[in-house]
Protein backbone atom coordinates (compact mmCIF):
# COMPACT_ATOMS: atom_id res chain seq x y z
CA MET A 1 1.83 -59.43 -86.19
CA THR A 2 -1.54 -59.57 -84.21
CA SER A 3 -3.86 -56.81 -83.83
CA SER A 4 -2.78 -56.28 -80.13
CA GLN A 5 0.60 -55.52 -81.18
CA ARG A 6 -0.54 -52.86 -83.45
CA LEU A 7 -0.54 -49.14 -82.19
CA PRO A 8 -4.12 -47.76 -81.93
CA THR A 9 -4.98 -45.25 -84.93
CA SER A 10 -5.73 -42.66 -82.18
CA LEU A 11 -2.95 -42.23 -79.60
CA THR A 12 -3.84 -41.84 -75.81
CA SER A 13 -3.12 -38.30 -74.47
CA LEU A 14 -0.38 -38.11 -71.86
CA ASP A 15 -2.75 -36.92 -69.20
CA THR A 16 -5.27 -39.87 -69.77
CA ALA A 17 -2.33 -42.20 -69.67
CA LEU A 18 -0.89 -40.72 -66.46
CA ALA A 19 -4.29 -40.66 -64.71
CA GLY A 20 -4.77 -44.28 -65.64
CA LEU A 21 -1.31 -45.19 -64.12
CA LEU A 22 -1.86 -43.30 -61.06
CA ARG A 23 -5.49 -44.52 -60.30
CA ASP A 24 -5.78 -45.75 -56.74
CA LEU A 25 -1.93 -45.37 -55.97
CA THR A 26 -1.06 -44.36 -52.39
CA ALA A 27 2.09 -44.32 -50.48
CA VAL A 28 3.78 -47.52 -49.59
CA PRO A 29 4.00 -48.37 -45.60
CA PRO A 30 6.90 -46.68 -43.91
CA LEU A 31 9.84 -48.58 -42.99
CA GLU A 32 12.76 -48.05 -40.46
CA LEU A 33 16.21 -47.79 -42.53
CA PRO A 34 19.87 -47.03 -41.07
CA LEU A 35 20.87 -43.51 -42.00
CA GLU A 36 23.38 -44.55 -44.57
CA GLU A 37 20.68 -46.66 -46.37
CA ALA A 38 18.01 -43.97 -46.14
CA LEU A 39 19.81 -41.31 -48.31
CA GLY A 40 17.79 -40.47 -51.36
CA CYS A 41 14.54 -41.93 -49.84
CA ILE A 42 11.39 -39.96 -49.00
CA ALA A 43 11.02 -39.17 -45.22
CA ALA A 44 8.02 -40.53 -43.59
CA GLU A 45 6.35 -39.00 -40.25
CA MET A 46 8.96 -39.05 -37.64
CA PRO A 47 9.09 -37.93 -33.86
CA ALA A 48 10.29 -34.35 -33.63
CA LEU A 49 13.99 -33.91 -32.58
CA ALA A 50 15.20 -32.46 -29.50
CA ALA A 51 16.96 -29.30 -29.35
CA VAL A 52 20.73 -29.54 -29.97
CA PRO A 53 22.58 -28.25 -27.84
CA PRO A 54 20.03 -29.01 -25.16
CA ARG A 55 21.36 -25.96 -23.19
CA ASP A 56 23.55 -22.93 -23.82
CA VAL A 57 27.28 -24.04 -24.25
CA ALA A 58 30.38 -22.35 -24.72
CA ALA A 59 31.39 -21.95 -28.30
CA ALA A 60 35.12 -21.15 -27.35
CA ASP A 61 37.43 -21.50 -24.50
CA GLY A 62 37.44 -18.39 -22.31
CA TRP A 63 35.69 -16.84 -19.24
CA ALA A 64 32.10 -17.11 -18.86
CA LEU A 65 30.47 -13.71 -17.73
CA ARG A 66 27.27 -11.61 -17.96
CA ALA A 67 27.42 -9.12 -20.65
CA ARG A 68 25.60 -6.23 -18.73
CA ASP A 69 28.27 -6.46 -16.18
CA LEU A 70 30.83 -5.38 -18.64
CA VAL A 71 29.33 -2.18 -20.00
CA GLY A 72 32.22 0.43 -20.38
CA ALA A 73 35.18 -2.03 -19.83
CA SER A 74 38.37 -1.49 -21.93
CA SER A 75 42.03 -1.54 -21.41
CA TYR A 76 42.04 2.11 -20.71
CA THR A 77 39.19 1.62 -18.04
CA PRO A 78 39.61 -1.76 -16.69
CA LEU A 79 36.27 -2.81 -14.79
CA PRO A 80 36.82 -4.54 -11.51
CA LEU A 81 34.48 -7.63 -11.13
CA THR A 82 32.87 -8.13 -7.76
CA ASN A 83 32.57 -11.93 -8.46
CA GLY A 84 35.38 -14.00 -10.12
CA PRO A 85 34.83 -15.37 -13.74
CA VAL A 86 34.39 -18.88 -14.39
CA TRP A 87 36.51 -20.57 -16.93
CA VAL A 88 34.76 -22.61 -19.62
CA GLU A 89 35.92 -24.72 -22.66
CA ALA A 90 34.27 -25.14 -25.99
CA GLY A 91 31.25 -27.55 -25.24
CA ASP A 92 31.05 -26.82 -21.49
CA ALA A 93 27.53 -25.73 -20.22
CA MET A 94 27.18 -22.20 -19.53
CA PRO A 95 27.04 -21.29 -15.72
CA ASP A 96 23.65 -20.03 -14.47
CA GLY A 97 23.57 -16.21 -15.09
CA CYS A 98 26.34 -16.14 -17.74
CA ASP A 99 25.38 -15.23 -21.28
CA CYS A 100 28.92 -14.60 -22.92
CA VAL A 101 32.54 -15.80 -23.14
CA VAL A 102 35.39 -13.59 -23.27
CA ASP A 103 38.84 -14.29 -24.37
CA SER A 104 41.62 -15.24 -21.62
CA ASP A 105 43.55 -11.92 -22.36
CA ALA A 106 40.27 -10.09 -21.68
CA VAL A 107 40.62 -10.78 -17.95
CA GLU A 108 43.43 -9.50 -15.64
CA ARG A 109 44.12 -11.18 -12.26
CA SER A 110 46.31 -9.47 -9.83
CA GLY A 111 45.97 -11.39 -6.51
CA PRO A 112 42.27 -10.91 -5.37
CA LEU A 113 41.78 -8.26 -7.65
CA VAL A 114 39.97 -9.24 -11.17
CA GLN A 115 39.47 -6.89 -13.81
CA VAL A 116 38.01 -7.08 -17.22
CA LEU A 117 39.45 -5.18 -20.11
CA ALA A 118 36.70 -5.48 -22.72
CA GLU A 119 33.01 -5.28 -23.40
CA ALA A 120 30.74 -8.20 -24.78
CA ILE A 121 27.50 -8.81 -26.00
CA PRO A 122 24.98 -11.29 -24.99
CA GLY A 123 25.62 -14.51 -26.81
CA GLN A 124 29.17 -13.64 -27.70
CA GLY A 125 31.28 -16.99 -27.45
CA VAL A 126 28.03 -18.91 -26.71
CA ARG A 127 26.25 -21.85 -28.84
CA ARG A 128 22.34 -21.17 -27.73
CA ILE A 129 20.05 -23.76 -26.97
CA GLY A 130 18.70 -25.10 -30.22
CA GLY A 131 21.35 -23.28 -32.11
CA ASP A 132 22.24 -26.40 -34.19
CA ILE A 133 19.06 -27.98 -34.26
CA PRO A 134 15.86 -26.06 -33.23
CA ALA A 135 13.45 -28.20 -31.19
CA GLY A 136 10.94 -30.20 -33.24
CA SER A 137 12.68 -29.75 -36.51
CA PHE A 138 13.82 -32.25 -39.06
CA VAL A 139 13.35 -32.92 -42.50
CA ALA A 140 9.58 -32.98 -43.54
CA ALA A 141 7.80 -36.01 -44.47
CA GLY A 142 7.46 -36.17 -48.23
CA ARG A 143 10.99 -34.67 -48.82
CA PRO A 144 14.13 -36.47 -49.86
CA ILE A 145 16.70 -37.39 -46.97
CA ARG A 146 19.88 -35.66 -48.23
CA VAL A 147 23.38 -35.86 -46.76
CA PRO A 148 22.75 -32.52 -44.35
CA ASP A 149 19.57 -34.30 -43.24
CA ALA A 150 21.66 -37.35 -42.21
CA LEU A 151 24.25 -34.98 -40.35
CA VAL A 152 21.37 -33.59 -38.35
CA ALA A 153 19.88 -36.86 -37.50
CA ARG A 154 23.20 -38.01 -36.30
CA ALA A 155 23.67 -34.89 -34.12
CA ALA A 156 20.51 -35.70 -32.73
CA GLY A 157 21.51 -39.22 -31.72
CA LEU A 158 19.40 -41.09 -34.41
CA GLU A 159 20.75 -44.17 -35.90
CA SER A 160 17.76 -44.83 -38.36
CA VAL A 161 14.79 -42.97 -39.76
CA ARG A 162 11.53 -43.90 -41.17
CA VAL A 163 11.07 -43.67 -44.97
CA CYS A 164 8.78 -44.64 -47.79
CA ARG A 165 10.88 -46.73 -50.12
CA PRO A 166 8.94 -48.27 -52.92
CA ARG A 167 10.19 -51.63 -54.32
CA LEU A 168 10.71 -51.42 -58.23
CA ARG A 169 11.17 -54.37 -60.34
CA ILE A 170 12.76 -53.61 -63.74
CA VAL A 171 12.58 -56.23 -66.32
CA ASN A 172 15.00 -55.77 -69.36
CA ILE A 173 13.75 -57.36 -72.56
CA PRO A 174 17.10 -58.61 -74.17
CA SER A 175 17.80 -57.11 -77.51
CA ALA A 176 19.79 -58.92 -80.27
CA SER A 177 22.95 -57.08 -79.24
CA GLY A 178 22.61 -57.82 -75.50
CA GLU A 179 22.58 -53.96 -74.81
CA ARG A 180 21.50 -53.25 -71.25
CA THR A 181 22.11 -49.34 -71.51
CA THR A 182 18.53 -48.33 -71.16
CA ALA A 183 17.85 -50.62 -68.22
CA GLU A 184 20.79 -49.55 -66.32
CA LEU A 185 19.72 -45.82 -67.03
CA ILE A 186 16.35 -46.38 -65.66
CA ALA A 187 17.63 -48.43 -62.72
CA GLU A 188 19.95 -45.52 -61.75
CA ASN A 189 17.13 -42.87 -62.12
CA ALA A 190 14.78 -45.06 -59.76
CA ARG A 191 17.36 -45.41 -57.28
CA ALA A 192 18.24 -41.70 -57.28
CA ALA A 193 14.51 -41.26 -56.71
CA GLY A 194 14.63 -43.46 -53.47
CA ALA A 195 13.23 -46.73 -54.89
CA GLU A 196 14.57 -50.01 -54.02
CA VAL A 197 15.42 -51.49 -57.40
CA VAL A 198 15.62 -55.11 -58.49
CA LEU A 199 16.91 -55.57 -62.14
CA THR A 200 16.08 -58.70 -63.88
CA GLU A 201 16.03 -59.92 -67.58
CA ALA A 202 13.48 -62.03 -69.50
CA THR A 203 14.84 -65.00 -71.01
CA GLY A 204 13.71 -64.03 -74.55
CA ARG A 205 11.64 -61.36 -76.56
CA ASP A 206 8.56 -63.50 -77.16
CA ALA A 207 5.41 -62.99 -75.30
CA LYS A 208 5.75 -66.08 -73.31
CA SER A 209 9.08 -65.29 -72.12
CA VAL A 210 8.33 -61.74 -71.29
CA ALA A 211 5.21 -62.68 -69.59
CA ALA A 212 7.02 -65.17 -67.65
CA ALA A 213 9.32 -62.47 -66.48
CA LEU A 214 6.49 -59.99 -65.48
CA VAL A 215 6.52 -61.02 -61.79
CA THR A 216 4.86 -58.50 -59.42
CA GLU A 217 5.47 -60.62 -56.20
CA GLY A 218 7.66 -58.60 -53.80
CA CYS A 219 7.28 -55.17 -55.60
CA ASP A 220 5.03 -52.12 -55.72
CA PHE A 221 5.80 -50.98 -59.43
CA LEU A 222 6.93 -52.95 -62.48
CA VAL A 223 8.79 -51.38 -65.30
CA ALA A 224 9.57 -53.43 -68.54
CA ILE A 225 12.14 -51.97 -70.86
CA GLY A 226 12.01 -53.14 -74.52
CA GLY A 227 9.67 -54.50 -76.98
CA SER A 228 7.15 -52.09 -76.82
CA GLY A 229 6.88 -51.15 -80.57
CA VAL A 230 5.07 -52.94 -83.34
CA GLY A 231 7.91 -54.78 -84.97
CA ARG A 232 7.94 -58.67 -85.39
CA ARG A 233 10.06 -59.30 -82.37
CA ASP A 234 8.20 -56.81 -80.02
CA ALA A 235 5.86 -58.50 -77.68
CA SER A 236 6.09 -56.93 -74.40
CA VAL A 237 2.77 -55.15 -74.73
CA VAL A 238 1.08 -58.67 -75.73
CA ALA A 239 2.72 -60.13 -72.59
CA LEU A 240 1.32 -57.55 -70.37
CA ALA A 241 -2.19 -58.19 -71.78
CA GLN A 242 -1.80 -61.85 -71.02
CA ARG A 243 -0.53 -61.24 -67.46
CA GLY A 244 -3.11 -58.20 -66.71
CA GLU A 245 -4.69 -55.35 -68.20
CA VAL A 246 -3.12 -52.73 -70.77
CA LEU A 247 -4.74 -49.26 -70.04
CA ALA A 248 -3.02 -47.49 -72.81
CA HIS A 249 -0.49 -48.31 -75.70
CA GLY A 250 0.53 -45.61 -78.07
CA ILE A 251 1.13 -42.28 -75.74
CA ALA A 252 0.88 -38.77 -77.62
CA LEU A 253 4.25 -38.33 -76.32
CA GLN A 254 7.32 -37.40 -78.45
CA PRO A 255 9.75 -39.07 -77.77
CA GLY A 256 8.29 -42.09 -76.16
CA ARG A 257 5.28 -42.75 -78.33
CA THR A 258 5.28 -46.50 -78.11
CA ALA A 259 5.18 -46.62 -74.34
CA ALA A 260 2.44 -48.51 -72.66
CA VAL A 261 0.74 -48.63 -69.32
CA GLY A 262 -1.28 -51.15 -67.38
CA ARG A 263 -1.67 -53.18 -64.28
CA ILE A 264 -1.18 -56.58 -63.16
CA GLY A 265 -3.66 -56.98 -60.50
CA LYS A 266 -3.01 -53.77 -58.24
CA ILE A 267 0.34 -53.16 -59.40
CA PRO A 268 0.97 -50.46 -61.91
CA VAL A 269 3.23 -51.48 -64.89
CA ILE A 270 4.86 -49.34 -67.60
CA VAL A 271 6.38 -50.62 -70.84
CA LEU A 272 9.30 -48.38 -71.76
CA PRO A 273 10.56 -48.25 -75.19
CA GLY A 274 14.30 -49.60 -75.65
CA ALA A 275 15.92 -46.67 -76.98
CA PRO A 276 17.39 -44.52 -74.07
CA ASP A 277 16.03 -41.12 -75.09
CA GLN A 278 12.34 -42.46 -75.65
CA ALA A 279 12.69 -44.51 -72.38
CA LEU A 280 13.61 -41.39 -70.35
CA ALA A 281 10.71 -39.19 -71.94
CA ALA A 282 8.48 -41.98 -70.78
CA TRP A 283 9.91 -42.20 -67.43
CA TRP A 284 10.07 -38.55 -66.87
CA THR A 285 6.39 -37.96 -67.66
CA LEU A 286 4.79 -41.38 -66.66
CA ALA A 287 6.89 -43.61 -64.54
CA ARG A 288 8.55 -41.00 -62.10
CA PRO A 289 5.11 -39.40 -61.22
CA ALA A 290 3.80 -43.06 -60.11
CA LEU A 291 7.03 -43.54 -58.18
CA ASP A 292 6.52 -40.12 -56.45
CA ARG A 293 3.00 -41.01 -55.72
CA LEU A 294 4.10 -44.42 -54.05
CA SER A 295 7.10 -42.85 -52.03
CA GLY A 296 4.74 -40.16 -50.62
CA ARG A 297 6.74 -37.40 -52.07
CA LEU A 298 5.55 -33.78 -52.14
CA PRO A 299 5.22 -32.41 -55.60
CA ARG A 300 8.40 -31.54 -57.07
CA ILE A 301 8.94 -27.94 -57.51
CA PRO A 302 10.08 -26.76 -61.22
CA LEU A 303 12.28 -23.92 -61.73
CA MET A 304 10.29 -21.04 -63.64
CA LEU A 305 12.53 -18.94 -66.13
CA PRO A 306 11.56 -17.06 -69.29
CA LEU A 307 12.43 -18.70 -72.55
CA ALA A 308 15.69 -17.46 -74.54
CA ARG A 309 13.85 -18.09 -77.83
CA LYS A 310 10.52 -19.30 -79.08
CA LEU A 311 9.35 -22.96 -78.79
CA ALA A 312 7.15 -24.52 -81.59
CA SER A 313 5.24 -27.61 -81.16
CA LEU A 314 2.87 -30.05 -82.85
CA VAL A 315 -0.70 -29.64 -81.70
CA GLY A 316 -1.96 -33.19 -80.59
CA ILE A 317 1.55 -34.46 -79.21
CA ALA A 318 2.98 -33.83 -76.06
CA GLU A 319 6.64 -32.98 -76.65
CA ILE A 320 9.47 -33.15 -74.49
CA VAL A 321 11.97 -30.14 -74.70
CA LEU A 322 15.41 -30.18 -73.28
CA LEU A 323 16.67 -26.99 -71.72
CA GLU A 324 19.85 -25.34 -70.81
CA ARG A 325 20.11 -22.77 -68.17
CA ARG A 326 21.79 -19.78 -69.63
CA ASP A 327 21.82 -16.16 -68.12
CA ALA A 328 18.58 -16.55 -66.10
CA THR A 329 16.80 -17.96 -68.92
CA TRP A 330 15.87 -21.34 -70.34
CA MET A 331 17.63 -21.95 -73.61
CA PRO A 332 15.86 -24.66 -75.69
CA LEU A 333 18.31 -27.35 -77.02
CA ALA A 334 15.91 -29.88 -78.60
CA VAL A 335 12.05 -30.18 -79.08
CA GLY A 336 10.56 -33.71 -79.65
CA GLU A 337 14.20 -35.42 -80.10
CA MET A 338 16.71 -36.12 -77.37
CA PRO A 339 20.11 -37.01 -78.89
CA LEU A 340 22.34 -38.57 -75.91
CA SER A 341 24.86 -35.72 -76.28
CA THR A 342 22.06 -33.28 -75.65
CA ILE A 343 20.69 -35.21 -72.70
CA ALA A 344 24.11 -34.94 -71.17
CA ARG A 345 24.40 -31.30 -71.89
CA ALA A 346 20.79 -30.25 -70.52
CA ASP A 347 20.06 -28.85 -67.25
CA GLY A 348 16.13 -29.41 -67.37
CA TRP A 349 13.37 -30.51 -69.38
CA LEU A 350 9.66 -29.55 -69.76
CA ALA A 351 6.68 -31.05 -71.64
CA ILE A 352 4.72 -28.85 -73.90
CA PRO A 353 1.06 -30.12 -73.58
CA GLY A 354 -0.49 -31.41 -76.70
CA GLY A 355 -2.96 -28.73 -76.90
CA SER A 356 -0.37 -26.11 -77.27
CA GLU A 357 1.55 -24.76 -80.38
CA GLY A 358 4.41 -23.74 -78.10
CA HIS A 359 5.52 -20.71 -76.34
CA ALA A 360 7.01 -17.30 -77.53
CA ALA A 361 10.23 -16.14 -76.71
CA GLY A 362 10.48 -14.55 -73.11
CA THR A 363 7.49 -16.48 -71.66
CA PRO A 364 8.04 -18.01 -68.37
CA VAL A 365 7.99 -21.63 -68.16
CA ASP A 366 8.44 -24.24 -65.35
CA ALA A 367 11.02 -26.80 -66.09
CA TYR A 368 12.10 -29.80 -63.98
CA LEU A 369 15.90 -29.74 -63.02
CA LEU A 370 18.16 -32.43 -64.15
CA ARG A 371 21.08 -31.41 -62.05
CA ASP A 372 21.21 -30.63 -58.49
């Protein structure tokens, strides 16, 4: 085992490792994507939408009238109209001077005499201008494009939108068993975060094979999975050192201690442990912030709730806490370890900083949601 394969005696703090990874990162240039491909991507600046509907239209079939002309009308005191009403159907533009639509049986016609049998209020039976989409509105730049946003865009006549979609290359370092669970897990998380993902595999676990697979051409962010430890067959960090620069190997993070961050040229690189729980911890705390920076995403908003019970943590190590939302509190499920069954059960997570001993029961804490 070479010295470059050994973890340093002093672990790099999570904050320091993250700062090194984020250094000089900016959002990738925006591109135009069809709406169906843009879902989940981060919106870039776009022209403001026109109002929909562009003018007042009927929301139902009936008679278009002016509400102030109907004051006092009822079936007991029919109100004769000097001007005949205009029949409109749903979607028709409202006639000038009309601000309500009444049901067909609210108007009685007998020869030339037209009487109205009910009052109405302004806007009754009418979809106002901009009622569906106010002029100038759309999903803000830096926010993910969701299904309702696509609905709004289509209603406004758009077929495509501008987004920032980082290109992420994931290199799976093959295990003896051929297991790809962690690589698929990280790829799914990256796609859900709005990245374009290419998943490849190194031909072997030796440094030469891994280095050959660490290709940065055509990508904005490179993630290698596996081989980050200090075992005899772990060579991913050595390979990264051969291809570029290792900024930190051995992070004060539990789980995820053997993760590494670096660069190849200007491309940020992170080496995630092969175990799913350790990879997820490093993904949430290191890789995801870098991906958010590349996509120009606005800061994610955590959910603050009080702790249902005390949280104790080791000083000097940032520990991941899995949480379940229960009766308007966060109930800790696991601290510093993440069994897969607990990950599946958790609603959120938080990282206790390395300088903290934990939190008392009832302390409000911010946690990032794992479920919509």
